[in-house]
Amino acid sequence: MNNAKVAEREFLAGRYGDAYFPDRLLDKGREILLRLCLRIETEQPADLAALYAMTHAATEEFNTLQEEFYAAGSEFETVARDAIAEEFWFVAQAYGFTDADLEELVAPSDW
């Protein structure tokens, strides 16, 4: 990553070490966030609408990942949902989208 804040970030770090959240699935969540960051760096969205299109696509990936959590006896409960949304917020802020709306960043979430 070219963005120093993103390069230093340990996405979803607070969920690791909790047996309720399998590390292998958290790793997949982290990869979704890293792909989002790479996409932002590559495509350089010009405005919030373009950013939201990217975050919505990543949110859809989390929607799919949620099924794997269910299968592993876990789920995106309230704390996890908030943690995921906070990571999206961090990404928007790190790339200069300070006016991004947190709820809009993850609008298509079904978690």
C-alpha atoms as a PDB file:
ATOM      1  CA  MET A   1       0.000   0.000   0.000  1.00  0.00           C
ATOM      2  CA  ASN A   2       1.169   3.502  -0.779  1.00  0.00           C
ATOM      3  CA  ASN A   3      -0.871   5.073   2.008  1.00  0.00           C
ATOM      4  CA  ALA A   4       1.254   4.955   5.181  1.00  0.00           C
ATOM      5  CA  LYS A   5      -1.769   4.920   7.513  1.00  0.00           C
ATOM      6  CA  VAL A   6      -3.223   1.931   5.697  1.00  0.00           C
ATOM      7  CA  ALA A   7       0.116   0.126   5.499  1.00  0.00           C
ATOM      8  CA  GLU A   8       0.459   0.339   9.279  1.00  0.00           C
ATOM      9  CA  ARG A   9      -3.132  -0.675  10.039  1.00  0.00           C
ATOM     10  CA  GLU A  10      -3.846  -4.101  11.483  1.00  0.00           C
ATOM     11  CA  PHE A  11      -7.350  -4.554  10.170  1.00  0.00           C
ATOM     12  CA  LEU A  12      -9.765  -6.368  12.477  1.00  0.00           C
ATOM     13  CA  ALA A  13      -6.999  -6.734  15.072  1.00  0.00           C
ATOM     14  CA  GLY A  14      -9.452  -6.569  17.960  1.00  0.00           C
ATOM     15  CA  ARG A  15     -11.248  -9.727  16.823  1.00  0.00           C
ATOM     16  CA  TYR A  16      -8.150 -11.915  16.628  1.00  0.00           C
ATOM     17  CA  GLY A  17      -7.516 -13.966  19.741  1.00  0.00           C
ATOM     18  CA  ASP A  18     -11.249 -14.442  20.324  1.00  0.00           C
ATOM     19  CA  ALA A  19     -12.040 -18.099  19.654  1.00  0.00           C
ATOM     20  CA  TYR A  20     -15.551 -17.113  18.544  1.00  0.00           C
ATOM     21  CA  PHE A  21     -14.053 -15.551  15.406  1.00  0.00           C
ATOM     22  CA  PRO A  22     -11.925 -18.069  13.463  1.00  0.00           C
ATOM     23  CA  ASP A  23      -8.622 -16.488  12.455  1.00  0.00           C
ATOM     24  CA  ARG A  24      -8.814 -17.966   8.953  1.00  0.00           C
ATOM     25  CA  LEU A  25     -12.103 -16.142   8.390  1.00  0.00           C
ATOM     26  CA  LEU A  26     -10.818 -12.923   9.929  1.00  0.00           C
ATOM     27  CA  ASP A  27      -7.929 -13.210   7.484  1.00  0.00           C
ATOM     28  CA  LYS A  28     -10.481 -13.269   4.654  1.00  0.00           C
ATOM     29  CA  GLY A  29     -12.109 -10.140   6.070  1.00  0.00           C
ATOM     30  CA  ARG A  30      -8.762  -8.428   6.284  1.00  0.00           C
ATOM     31  CA  GLU A  31      -8.090  -9.360   2.660  1.00  0.00           C
ATOM     32  CA  ILE A  32     -11.398  -7.772   1.598  1.00  0.00           C
ATOM     33  CA  LEU A  33     -10.334  -4.538   3.286  1.00  0.00           C
ATOM     34  CA  LEU A  34      -6.863  -4.648   1.754  1.00  0.00           C
ATOM     35  CA  ARG A  35      -8.337  -5.221  -1.718  1.00  0.00           C
ATOM     36  CA  LEU A  36     -10.599  -2.233  -1.138  1.00  0.00           C
ATOM     37  CA  CYS A  37      -7.577  -0.098  -0.277  1.00  0.00           C
ATOM     38  CA  LEU A  38      -5.665  -1.309  -3.319  1.00  0.00           C
ATOM     39  CA  ARG A  39      -8.664  -0.553  -5.508  1.00  0.00           C
ATOM     40  CA  ILE A  40      -8.907   2.965  -4.086  1.00  0.00           C
ATOM     41  CA  GLU A  41      -5.205   3.539  -4.712  1.00  0.00           C
ATOM     42  CA  THR A  42      -5.421   2.142  -8.238  1.00  0.00           C
ATOM     43  CA  GLU A  43      -8.673   3.727  -9.398  1.00  0.00           C
ATOM     44  CA  GLN A  44      -8.460   6.924  -7.311  1.00  0.00           C
ATOM     45  CA  PRO A  45     -12.171   7.669  -6.929  1.00  0.00           C
ATOM     46  CA  ALA A  46     -12.920  11.296  -7.725  1.00  0.00           C
ATOM     47  CA  ASP A  47     -15.850  11.715  -5.372  1.00  0.00           C
ATOM     48  CA  LEU A  48     -17.951  10.098  -2.674  1.00  0.00           C
ATOM     49  CA  ALA A  49     -20.227   8.393  -5.197  1.00  0.00           C
ATOM     50  CA  ALA A  50     -17.247   6.571  -6.696  1.00  0.00           C
ATOM     51  CA  LEU A  51     -15.939   5.677  -3.232  1.00  0.00           C
ATOM     52  CA  TYR A  52     -19.346   4.356  -2.181  1.00  0.00           C
ATOM     53  CA  ALA A  53     -19.458   2.112  -5.249  1.00  0.00           C
ATOM     54  CA  MET A  54     -16.178   0.594  -4.107  1.00  0.00           C
ATOM     55  CA  THR A  55     -17.162   0.233  -0.457  1.00  0.00           C
ATOM     56  CA  HIS A  56     -20.511  -1.268  -1.439  1.00  0.00           C
ATOM     57  CA  ALA A  57     -18.723  -3.937  -3.483  1.00  0.00           C
ATOM     58  CA  ALA A  58     -16.492  -4.730  -0.493  1.00  0.00           C
ATOM     59  CA  THR A  59     -19.540  -4.797   1.794  1.00  0.00           C
ATOM     60  CA  GLU A  60     -21.131  -7.371  -0.500  1.00  0.00           C
ATOM     61  CA  GLU A  61     -18.002  -9.483  -0.065  1.00  0.00           C
ATOM     62  CA  PHE A  62     -18.488  -9.286   3.703  1.00  0.00           C
ATOM     63  CA  ASN A  63     -22.116 -10.328   3.212  1.00  0.00           C
ATOM     64  CA  THR A  64     -20.865 -13.479   1.490  1.00  0.00           C
ATOM     65  CA  LEU A  65     -18.174 -14.036   4.111  1.00  0.00           C
ATOM     66  CA  GLN A  66     -20.822 -13.913   6.823  1.00  0.00           C
ATOM     67  CA  GLU A  67     -22.126 -17.268   5.543  1.00  0.00           C
ATOM     68  CA  GLU A  68     -18.717 -18.829   6.233  1.00  0.00           C
ATOM     69  CA  PHE A  69     -18.833 -17.437   9.764  1.00  0.00           C
ATOM     70  CA  TYR A  70     -22.267 -19.022  10.266  1.00  0.00           C
ATOM     71  CA  ALA A  71     -20.925 -22.343   9.020  1.00  0.00           C
ATOM     72  CA  ALA A  72     -18.075 -22.091  11.554  1.00  0.00           C
ATOM     73  CA  GLY A  73     -20.499 -21.461  14.432  1.00  0.00           C
ATOM     74  CA  SER A  74     -19.861 -17.726  14.529  1.00  0.00           C
ATOM     75  CA  GLU A  75     -21.527 -14.600  13.205  1.00  0.00           C
ATOM     76  CA  PHE A  76     -21.135 -10.864  12.853  1.00  0.00           C
ATOM     77  CA  GLU A  77     -22.694  -9.924  16.156  1.00  0.00           C
ATOM     78  CA  THR A  78     -23.021  -6.306  17.282  1.00  0.00           C
ATOM     79  CA  VAL A  79     -19.396  -5.767  18.282  1.00  0.00           C
ATOM     80  CA  ALA A  80     -18.091  -7.383  15.092  1.00  0.00           C
ATOM     81  CA  ARG A  81     -20.493  -5.387  12.903  1.00  0.00           C
ATOM     82  CA  ASP A  82     -19.313  -2.188  14.532  1.00  0.00           C
ATOM     83  CA  ALA A  83     -15.667  -3.199  14.138  1.00  0.00           C
ATOM     84  CA  ILE A  84     -16.127  -3.916  10.428  1.00  0.00           C
ATOM     85  CA  ALA A  85     -17.939  -0.619   9.868  1.00  0.00           C
ATOM     86  CA  GLU A  86     -15.178   1.220  11.753  1.00  0.00           C
ATOM     87  CA  GLU A  87     -12.611  -0.299   9.386  1.00  0.00           C
ATOM     88  CA  PHE A  88     -14.548   1.059   6.412  1.00  0.00           C
ATOM     89  CA  TRP A  89     -14.658   4.442   8.142  1.00  0.00           C
ATOM     90  CA  PHE A  90     -10.903   4.299   8.734  1.00  0.00           C
ATOM     91  CA  VAL A  91     -10.282   3.517   5.052  1.00  0.00           C
ATOM     92  CA  ALA A  92     -12.431   6.443   3.894  1.00  0.00           C
ATOM     93  CA  GLN A  93     -10.661   8.811   6.284  1.00  0.00           C
ATOM     94  CA  ALA A  94      -7.198   7.504   5.372  1.00  0.00           C
ATOM     95  CA  TYR A  95      -7.837   8.278   1.719  1.00  0.00           C
ATOM     96  CA  GLY A  96      -9.117  11.770   2.397  1.00  0.00           C
ATOM     97  CA  PHE A  97     -12.866  11.191   2.220  1.00  0.00           C
ATOM     98  CA  THR A  98     -13.562  12.995   5.472  1.00  0.00           C
ATOM     99  CA  ASP A  99     -17.183  13.720   4.514  1.00  0.00           C
ATOM    100  CA  ALA A 100     -18.022  10.052   3.980  1.00  0.00           C
ATOM    101  CA  ASP A 101     -21.139   8.836   5.746  1.00  0.00           C
ATOM    102  CA  LEU A 102     -20.469   5.714   7.814  1.00  0.00           C
ATOM    103  CA  GLU A 103     -23.878   4.195   7.153  1.00  0.00           C
ATOM    104  CA  GLU A 104     -23.582   4.824   3.422  1.00  0.00           C
ATOM    105  CA  LEU A 105     -20.127   3.232   3.306  1.00  0.00           C
ATOM    106  CA  VAL A 106     -21.660  -0.108   4.303  1.00  0.00           C
ATOM    107  CA  ALA A 107     -25.230   0.493   3.087  1.00  0.00           C
ATOM    108  CA  PRO A 108     -25.732  -2.918   1.422  1.00  0.00           C
ATOM    109  CA  SER A 109     -24.689  -4.818   4.561  1.00  0.00           C
ATOM    110  CA  ASP A 110     -26.993  -7.526   5.777  1.00  0.00           C
ATOM    111  CA  TRP A 111     -25.102  -7.923   9.005  1.00  0.00           C
END
